[in-house]
């Protein structure tokens, strides 16, 4: 369980890192594909190496502090029902905010290049 005081900064670091790395990934992969003239497949092969290394490091060094049985027990002991999760006004605003930010992020990620290219 993540302490409550660490949740917001942790989420900010993760989301910022994701956006930053995707931006650098576009630059890096463009360099590999065009300047080094290795093609788009080489970008996938080259960047699969650090991705695999990070996955292995997470698997080795990040440990769950609770077992699956403890998590199930904690979930079944209390918490909110589905109806409460879908009718709470604060949560609905959070859902809308998350949807809009993710939608905007992926629209920019996938369509910005085409839109700027078509306008010259």
C-alpha atoms as a PDB file:
ATOM      1  CA  UNK A   1       0.000   0.000   0.000  1.00  0.00           C
ATOM      2  CA  UNK A   2       1.384   3.395  -0.974  1.00  0.00           C
ATOM      3  CA  UNK A   3       1.279   5.998   1.820  1.00  0.00           C
ATOM      4  CA  UNK A   4      -1.290   8.697   1.119  1.00  0.00           C
ATOM      5  CA  UNK A   5       1.272  11.520   1.321  1.00  0.00           C
ATOM      6  CA  UNK A   6       3.310   9.909  -1.488  1.00  0.00           C
ATOM      7  CA  UNK A   7       0.492   9.265  -3.965  1.00  0.00           C
ATOM      8  CA  UNK A   8       0.268  12.686  -5.612  1.00  0.00           C
ATOM      9  CA  UNK A   9       4.013  13.242  -6.049  1.00  0.00           C
ATOM     10  CA  UNK A  10       4.396   9.655  -7.244  1.00  0.00           C
ATOM     11  CA  UNK A  11       1.646  10.049  -9.831  1.00  0.00           C
ATOM     12  CA  UNK A  12       3.155  13.339 -10.999  1.00  0.00           C
ATOM     13  CA  UNK A  13       6.601  11.788 -11.440  1.00  0.00           C
ATOM     14  CA  UNK A  14       5.203   8.799 -13.328  1.00  0.00           C
ATOM     15  CA  UNK A  15       3.019  10.886 -15.662  1.00  0.00           C
ATOM     16  CA  UNK A  16       5.743  13.473 -16.288  1.00  0.00           C
ATOM     17  CA  UNK A  17       8.279  10.754 -16.947  1.00  0.00           C
ATOM     18  CA  UNK A  18       5.959   9.026 -19.378  1.00  0.00           C
ATOM     19  CA  UNK A  19       5.340  12.213 -21.374  1.00  0.00           C
ATOM     20  CA  UNK A  20       9.014  13.190 -21.293  1.00  0.00           C
ATOM     21  CA  UNK A  21      10.221   9.775 -22.418  1.00  0.00           C
ATOM     22  CA  UNK A  22       7.681   9.528 -25.236  1.00  0.00           C
ATOM     23  CA  UNK A  23       8.858  12.923 -26.501  1.00  0.00           C
ATOM     24  CA  UNK A  24      12.485  11.792 -26.354  1.00  0.00           C
ATOM     25  CA  UNK A  25      11.486   8.510 -27.985  1.00  0.00           C
ATOM     26  CA  UNK A  26      10.166  10.356 -31.027  1.00  0.00           C
ATOM     27  CA  UNK A  27      13.429  12.262 -31.348  1.00  0.00           C
ATOM     28  CA  UNK A  28      15.583   9.189 -30.757  1.00  0.00           C
ATOM     29  CA  UNK A  29      13.651   6.937 -33.124  1.00  0.00           C
ATOM     30  CA  UNK A  30      13.645   9.609 -35.837  1.00  0.00           C
ATOM     31  CA  UNK A  31      17.411   9.879 -35.495  1.00  0.00           C
ATOM     32  CA  UNK A  32      17.857   6.092 -35.719  1.00  0.00           C
ATOM     33  CA  UNK A  33      15.434   5.680 -38.632  1.00  0.00           C
ATOM     34  CA  UNK A  34      16.430   8.659 -40.785  1.00  0.00           C
ATOM     35  CA  UNK A  35      19.860  10.051 -39.825  1.00  0.00           C
ATOM     36  CA  UNK A  36      21.456   6.649 -39.267  1.00  0.00           C
ATOM     37  CA  UNK A  37      19.383   5.265 -42.165  1.00  0.00           C
ATOM     38  CA  UNK A  38      18.535   2.070 -40.278  1.00  0.00           C
ATOM     39  CA  UNK A  39      14.789   2.116 -40.933  1.00  0.00           C
ATOM     40  CA  UNK A  40      11.863   2.009 -38.558  1.00  0.00           C
ATOM     41  CA  UNK A  41      12.386  -1.624 -37.533  1.00  0.00           C
ATOM     42  CA  UNK A  42      15.772  -0.811 -36.033  1.00  0.00           C
ATOM     43  CA  UNK A  43      14.165   1.676 -33.665  1.00  0.00           C
ATOM     44  CA  UNK A  44      11.980  -1.070 -32.225  1.00  0.00           C
ATOM     45  CA  UNK A  45      14.907  -3.444 -31.866  1.00  0.00           C
ATOM     46  CA  UNK A  46      17.225  -0.868 -30.294  1.00  0.00           C
ATOM     47  CA  UNK A  47      14.664   0.456 -27.804  1.00  0.00           C
ATOM     48  CA  UNK A  48      13.476  -3.016 -26.856  1.00  0.00           C
ATOM     49  CA  UNK A  49      16.791  -3.532 -25.053  1.00  0.00           C
ATOM     50  CA  UNK A  50      16.389  -0.799 -22.376  1.00  0.00           C
ATOM     51  CA  UNK A  51      12.692  -1.645 -22.065  1.00  0.00           C
ATOM     52  CA  UNK A  52      13.510  -5.269 -21.325  1.00  0.00           C
ATOM     53  CA  UNK A  53      16.241  -4.226 -18.878  1.00  0.00           C
ATOM     54  CA  UNK A  54      13.812  -2.000 -16.955  1.00  0.00           C
ATOM     55  CA  UNK A  55      11.220  -4.796 -16.861  1.00  0.00           C
ATOM     56  CA  UNK A  56      13.792  -7.200 -15.444  1.00  0.00           C
ATOM     57  CA  UNK A  57      14.952  -4.629 -12.862  1.00  0.00           C
ATOM     58  CA  UNK A  58      11.366  -4.050 -11.719  1.00  0.00           C
ATOM     59  CA  UNK A  59      10.782  -7.791 -11.483  1.00  0.00           C
ATOM     60  CA  UNK A  60      13.936  -8.252  -9.416  1.00  0.00           C
ATOM     61  CA  UNK A  61      13.813  -5.232  -7.105  1.00  0.00           C
ATOM     62  CA  UNK A  62      10.155  -4.263  -6.628  1.00  0.00           C
ATOM     63  CA  UNK A  63       8.472  -6.570  -4.174  1.00  0.00           C
ATOM     64  CA  UNK A  64       4.835  -6.781  -3.183  1.00  0.00           C
ATOM     65  CA  UNK A  65       4.377  -6.235   0.505  1.00  0.00           C
ATOM     66  CA  UNK A  66       1.026  -7.965   0.605  1.00  0.00           C
ATOM     67  CA  UNK A  67      -0.045 -11.300  -0.717  1.00  0.00           C
ATOM     68  CA  UNK A  68      -2.970 -11.789  -3.048  1.00  0.00           C
ATOM     69  CA  UNK A  69      -5.014 -13.320  -0.199  1.00  0.00           C
ATOM     70  CA  UNK A  70      -4.412 -10.254   1.993  1.00  0.00           C
ATOM     71  CA  UNK A  71      -5.448  -7.939  -0.847  1.00  0.00           C
ATOM     72  CA  UNK A  72      -8.656  -9.916  -1.436  1.00  0.00           C
ATOM     73  CA  UNK A  73      -9.428  -9.855   2.281  1.00  0.00           C
ATOM     74  CA  UNK A  74      -8.800  -6.103   2.487  1.00  0.00           C
ATOM     75  CA  UNK A  75     -11.001  -5.495  -0.561  1.00  0.00           C
ATOM     76  CA  UNK A  76     -13.862  -7.646   0.732  1.00  0.00           C
ATOM     77  CA  UNK A  77     -13.786  -6.127   4.231  1.00  0.00           C
ATOM     78  CA  UNK A  78     -14.950  -2.744   3.181  1.00  0.00           C
ATOM     79  CA  UNK A  79     -14.637  -0.112   0.587  1.00  0.00           C
ATOM     80  CA  UNK A  80     -17.072   1.414  -1.800  1.00  0.00           C
ATOM     81  CA  UNK A  81     -19.649  -0.367  -3.893  1.00  0.00           C
ATOM     82  CA  UNK A  82     -19.786   0.061  -7.650  1.00  0.00           C
ATOM     83  CA  UNK A  83     -22.870   2.251  -7.263  1.00  0.00           C
ATOM     84  CA  UNK A  84     -21.000   4.557  -4.880  1.00  0.00           C
ATOM     85  CA  UNK A  85     -18.047   4.756  -7.263  1.00  0.00           C
ATOM     86  CA  UNK A  86     -20.288   5.732 -10.175  1.00  0.00           C
ATOM     87  CA  UNK A  87     -22.480   8.252  -8.346  1.00  0.00           C
ATOM     88  CA  UNK A  88     -19.962  10.209  -6.245  1.00  0.00           C
ATOM     89  CA  UNK A  89     -19.645  13.712  -7.783  1.00  0.00           C
ATOM     90  CA  UNK A  90     -15.994  14.125  -6.818  1.00  0.00           C
ATOM     91  CA  UNK A  91     -15.059  10.811  -8.370  1.00  0.00           C
ATOM     92  CA  UNK A  92     -17.029  11.611 -11.526  1.00  0.00           C
ATOM     93  CA  UNK A  93     -15.046  14.831 -11.900  1.00  0.00           C
ATOM     94  CA  UNK A  94     -11.804  12.902 -11.405  1.00  0.00           C
ATOM     95  CA  UNK A  95     -12.879  10.360 -14.039  1.00  0.00           C
ATOM     96  CA  UNK A  96     -13.706  13.171 -16.484  1.00  0.00           C
ATOM     97  CA  UNK A  97     -10.395  14.922 -15.844  1.00  0.00           C
ATOM     98  CA  UNK A  98      -8.386  11.744 -16.329  1.00  0.00           C
ATOM     99  CA  UNK A  99     -10.306  10.908 -19.515  1.00  0.00           C
ATOM    100  CA  UNK A 100      -9.752  14.376 -20.983  1.00  0.00           C
ATOM    101  CA  UNK A 101      -6.041  14.458 -20.152  1.00  0.00           C
ATOM    102  CA  UNK A 102      -5.425  10.968 -21.558  1.00  0.00           C
ATOM    103  CA  UNK A 103      -7.559  11.645 -24.633  1.00  0.00           C
ATOM    104  CA  UNK A 104      -5.723  14.910 -25.302  1.00  0.00           C
ATOM    105  CA  UNK A 105      -2.352  13.272 -24.734  1.00  0.00           C
ATOM    106  CA  UNK A 106      -3.016  10.438 -27.172  1.00  0.00           C
ATOM    107  CA  UNK A 107      -4.603  12.729 -29.763  1.00  0.00           C
ATOM    108  CA  UNK A 108      -1.469  14.854 -29.685  1.00  0.00           C
ATOM    109  CA  UNK A 109       0.665  11.730 -29.743  1.00  0.00           C
ATOM    110  CA  UNK A 110      -1.070  10.222 -32.771  1.00  0.00           C
ATOM    111  CA  UNK A 111      -2.525  13.114 -34.797  1.00  0.00           C
ATOM    112  CA  UNK A 112      -0.290  16.155 -34.221  1.00  0.00           C
ATOM    113  CA  UNK A 113       2.254  15.081 -36.805  1.00  0.00           C
ATOM    114  CA  UNK A 114      -0.398  14.605 -39.479  1.00  0.00           C
ATOM    115  CA  UNK A 115      -2.114  17.904 -38.672  1.00  0.00           C
ATOM    116  CA  UNK A 116       1.103  19.932 -38.779  1.00  0.00           C
ATOM    117  CA  UNK A 117       2.288  18.120 -41.913  1.00  0.00           C
ATOM    118  CA  UNK A 118      -0.963  18.871 -43.797  1.00  0.00           C
ATOM    119  CA  UNK A 119      -0.727  22.606 -42.967  1.00  0.00           C
ATOM    120  CA  UNK A 120       2.842  22.864 -44.210  1.00  0.00           C
END
